[in-house]
Amino acid sequence: FSPELADITIYVIDVSAGDKIPRKGGPGITRSDLLVINKIDLAPLVGADLDIMDRDARKMRGDRPFVFSNLKANVGPDAIIDFILITGGLKQGGKNSETHAVS
């Protein structure tokens, strides 16, 4: 896979993998256009701290956006969809600006 061949890259991580994932970095964390931290509802069940994930994602990504999501509870999909539409040049502006490190 070559990210240079993609118009938009979205890297999705699962909270159940632990709160250390953003801290570990790697190209998906640091260079993707959008980082999605998914299944936030599982954080208490696996001992993951969302505040730590937020802090580490901000540190590793700089100004690049990220969003927390729980699609079962409809948390985050509007921000992800808006990001795709706006970044892909399909529309201007957005109804939901809940991607972090942007607001």
C-alpha atoms as a PDB file:
ATOM      1  CA  PHE A   1       0.000   0.000   0.000  1.00  0.00           C
ATOM      2  CA  SER A   2       1.302   3.436  -0.929  1.00  0.00           C
ATOM      3  CA  PRO A   3      -0.422   6.370   0.797  1.00  0.00           C
ATOM      4  CA  GLU A   4       0.756   8.640  -2.008  1.00  0.00           C
ATOM      5  CA  LEU A   5      -1.716   6.875  -4.315  1.00  0.00           C
ATOM      6  CA  ALA A   6      -4.704   7.636  -2.076  1.00  0.00           C
ATOM      7  CA  ASP A   7      -6.635  10.902  -2.114  1.00  0.00           C
ATOM      8  CA  ILE A   8      -7.551  10.528   1.576  1.00  0.00           C
ATOM      9  CA  THR A   9      -6.172   8.146   4.184  1.00  0.00           C
ATOM     10  CA  ILE A  10      -8.186   7.237   7.270  1.00  0.00           C
ATOM     11  CA  TYR A  11      -6.587   5.051   9.917  1.00  0.00           C
ATOM     12  CA  VAL A  12      -8.958   3.318  12.327  1.00  0.00           C
ATOM     13  CA  ILE A  13      -7.835   1.912  15.650  1.00  0.00           C
ATOM     14  CA  ASP A  14      -9.902  -0.021  18.157  1.00  0.00           C
ATOM     15  CA  VAL A  15      -9.912   1.062  21.813  1.00  0.00           C
ATOM     16  CA  SER A  16      -9.863  -2.592  22.867  1.00  0.00           C
ATOM     17  CA  ALA A  17      -6.254  -2.780  21.636  1.00  0.00           C
ATOM     18  CA  GLY A  18      -5.344  -0.522  24.574  1.00  0.00           C
ATOM     19  CA  ASP A  19      -4.673   3.123  25.256  1.00  0.00           C
ATOM     20  CA  LYS A  20      -0.988   2.821  24.273  1.00  0.00           C
ATOM     21  CA  ILE A  21      -1.713   2.551  20.538  1.00  0.00           C
ATOM     22  CA  PRO A  22      -1.620   6.312  19.727  1.00  0.00           C
ATOM     23  CA  ARG A  23       1.599   6.672  21.745  1.00  0.00           C
ATOM     24  CA  LYS A  24       3.336   3.982  19.678  1.00  0.00           C
ATOM     25  CA  GLY A  25       3.076   6.156  16.586  1.00  0.00           C
ATOM     26  CA  GLY A  26       3.703   4.550  13.247  1.00  0.00           C
ATOM     27  CA  PRO A  27       2.708   5.928   9.862  1.00  0.00           C
ATOM     28  CA  GLY A  28      -1.014   5.254  10.268  1.00  0.00           C
ATOM     29  CA  ILE A  29      -1.112   7.229  13.509  1.00  0.00           C
ATOM     30  CA  THR A  30       1.182  10.052  12.462  1.00  0.00           C
ATOM     31  CA  ARG A  31       0.563  10.501   8.729  1.00  0.00           C
ATOM     32  CA  SER A  32      -3.035   9.529   7.979  1.00  0.00           C
ATOM     33  CA  ASP A  33      -5.351  12.368   7.050  1.00  0.00           C
ATOM     34  CA  LEU A  34      -7.784  11.301   9.774  1.00  0.00           C
ATOM     35  CA  LEU A  35      -7.316   9.007  12.751  1.00  0.00           C
ATOM     36  CA  VAL A  36     -10.487   7.330  14.013  1.00  0.00           C
ATOM     37  CA  ILE A  37     -10.355   5.966  17.550  1.00  0.00           C
ATOM     38  CA  ASN A  38     -13.267   3.552  17.408  1.00  0.00           C
ATOM     39  CA  LYS A  39     -15.321   1.561  19.929  1.00  0.00           C
ATOM     40  CA  ILE A  40     -14.901   4.082  22.740  1.00  0.00           C
ATOM     41  CA  ASP A  41     -17.721   2.332  24.585  1.00  0.00           C
ATOM     42  CA  LEU A  42     -15.315  -0.543  25.290  1.00  0.00           C
ATOM     43  CA  ALA A  43     -12.754   1.629  27.106  1.00  0.00           C
ATOM     44  CA  PRO A  44     -13.972   0.846  30.646  1.00  0.00           C
ATOM     45  CA  LEU A  45     -14.160  -2.865  29.855  1.00  0.00           C
ATOM     46  CA  VAL A  46     -10.541  -3.096  28.719  1.00  0.00           C
ATOM     47  CA  GLY A  47      -9.041  -0.529  31.085  1.00  0.00           C
ATOM     48  CA  ALA A  48      -8.269   1.997  28.352  1.00  0.00           C
ATOM     49  CA  ASP A  49      -8.176   5.656  29.362  1.00  0.00           C
ATOM     50  CA  LEU A  50      -9.676   7.910  26.673  1.00  0.00           C
ATOM     51  CA  ASP A  51      -7.987  10.982  28.181  1.00  0.00           C
ATOM     52  CA  ILE A  52      -4.606   9.310  27.688  1.00  0.00           C
ATOM     53  CA  MET A  53      -5.548   8.380  24.117  1.00  0.00           C
ATOM     54  CA  ASP A  54      -6.624  11.980  23.464  1.00  0.00           C
ATOM     55  CA  ARG A  55      -3.369  13.367  24.877  1.00  0.00           C
ATOM     56  CA  ASP A  56      -1.195  10.908  22.963  1.00  0.00           C
ATOM     57  CA  ALA A  57      -3.088  11.368  19.694  1.00  0.00           C
ATOM     58  CA  ARG A  58      -2.646  15.153  19.956  1.00  0.00           C
ATOM     59  CA  LYS A  59       1.067  14.713  20.681  1.00  0.00           C
ATOM     60  CA  MET A  60       1.713  12.235  17.859  1.00  0.00           C
ATOM     61  CA  ARG A  61      -0.500  13.899  15.238  1.00  0.00           C
ATOM     62  CA  GLY A  62       0.222  17.582  15.775  1.00  0.00           C
ATOM     63  CA  ASP A  63      -2.398  19.499  13.785  1.00  0.00           C
ATOM     64  CA  ARG A  64      -3.779  16.435  12.016  1.00  0.00           C
ATOM     65  CA  PRO A  65      -7.390  15.670  12.997  1.00  0.00           C
ATOM     66  CA  PHE A  66      -8.710  12.674  14.884  1.00  0.00           C
ATOM     67  CA  VAL A  67     -12.118  11.644  16.135  1.00  0.00           C
ATOM     68  CA  PHE A  68     -13.437   9.333  18.833  1.00  0.00           C
ATOM     69  CA  SER A  69     -16.281   7.128  17.655  1.00  0.00           C
ATOM     70  CA  ASN A  70     -18.811   4.596  18.810  1.00  0.00           C
ATOM     71  CA  LEU A  71     -20.860   3.754  15.765  1.00  0.00           C
ATOM     72  CA  LYS A  72     -23.286   1.599  17.767  1.00  0.00           C
ATOM     73  CA  ALA A  73     -24.340   4.735  19.675  1.00  0.00           C
ATOM     74  CA  ASN A  74     -24.023   7.029  16.635  1.00  0.00           C
ATOM     75  CA  VAL A  75     -21.047   8.910  18.114  1.00  0.00           C
ATOM     76  CA  GLY A  76     -18.634  10.239  15.514  1.00  0.00           C
ATOM     77  CA  PRO A  77     -20.048   9.237  12.124  1.00  0.00           C
ATOM     78  CA  ASP A  78     -21.129  12.792  11.221  1.00  0.00           C
ATOM     79  CA  ALA A  79     -17.612  14.110  11.834  1.00  0.00           C
ATOM     80  CA  ILE A  80     -16.099  11.269   9.787  1.00  0.00           C
ATOM     81  CA  ILE A  81     -18.542  11.751   6.911  1.00  0.00           C
ATOM     82  CA  ASP A  82     -18.017  15.526   6.906  1.00  0.00           C
ATOM     83  CA  PHE A  83     -14.250  15.008   6.885  1.00  0.00           C
ATOM     84  CA  ILE A  84     -14.488  12.721   3.853  1.00  0.00           C
ATOM     85  CA  LEU A  85     -16.832  15.044   1.982  1.00  0.00           C
ATOM     86  CA  ILE A  86     -14.869  18.215   2.721  1.00  0.00           C
ATOM     87  CA  THR A  87     -11.373  16.764   2.312  1.00  0.00           C
ATOM     88  CA  GLY A  88     -12.447  14.943  -0.831  1.00  0.00           C
ATOM     89  CA  GLY A  89     -13.737  18.224  -2.256  1.00  0.00           C
ATOM     90  CA  LEU A  90     -17.340  17.043  -2.399  1.00  0.00           C
ATOM     91  CA  LYS A  91     -18.752  19.864  -0.242  1.00  0.00           C
ATOM     92  CA  GLN A  92     -17.685  22.970   1.648  1.00  0.00           C
ATOM     93  CA  GLY A  93     -18.120  23.454   5.370  1.00  0.00           C
ATOM     94  CA  GLY A  94     -19.619  20.883   7.670  1.00  0.00           C
ATOM     95  CA  LYS A  95     -22.459  20.409  10.084  1.00  0.00           C
ATOM     96  CA  ASN A  96     -20.319  18.713  12.699  1.00  0.00           C
ATOM     97  CA  SER A  97     -16.839  19.836  13.684  1.00  0.00           C
ATOM     98  CA  GLU A  98     -16.114  17.197  16.287  1.00  0.00           C
ATOM     99  CA  THR A  99     -12.776  16.140  14.871  1.00  0.00           C
ATOM    100  CA  HIS A 100     -10.114  16.986  17.432  1.00  0.00           C
ATOM    101  CA  ALA A 101      -7.043  19.123  16.887  1.00  0.00           C
ATOM    102  CA  VAL A 102      -9.035  21.141  14.361  1.00  0.00           C
ATOM    103  CA  SER A 103     -11.453  23.046  16.565  1.00  0.00           C
END
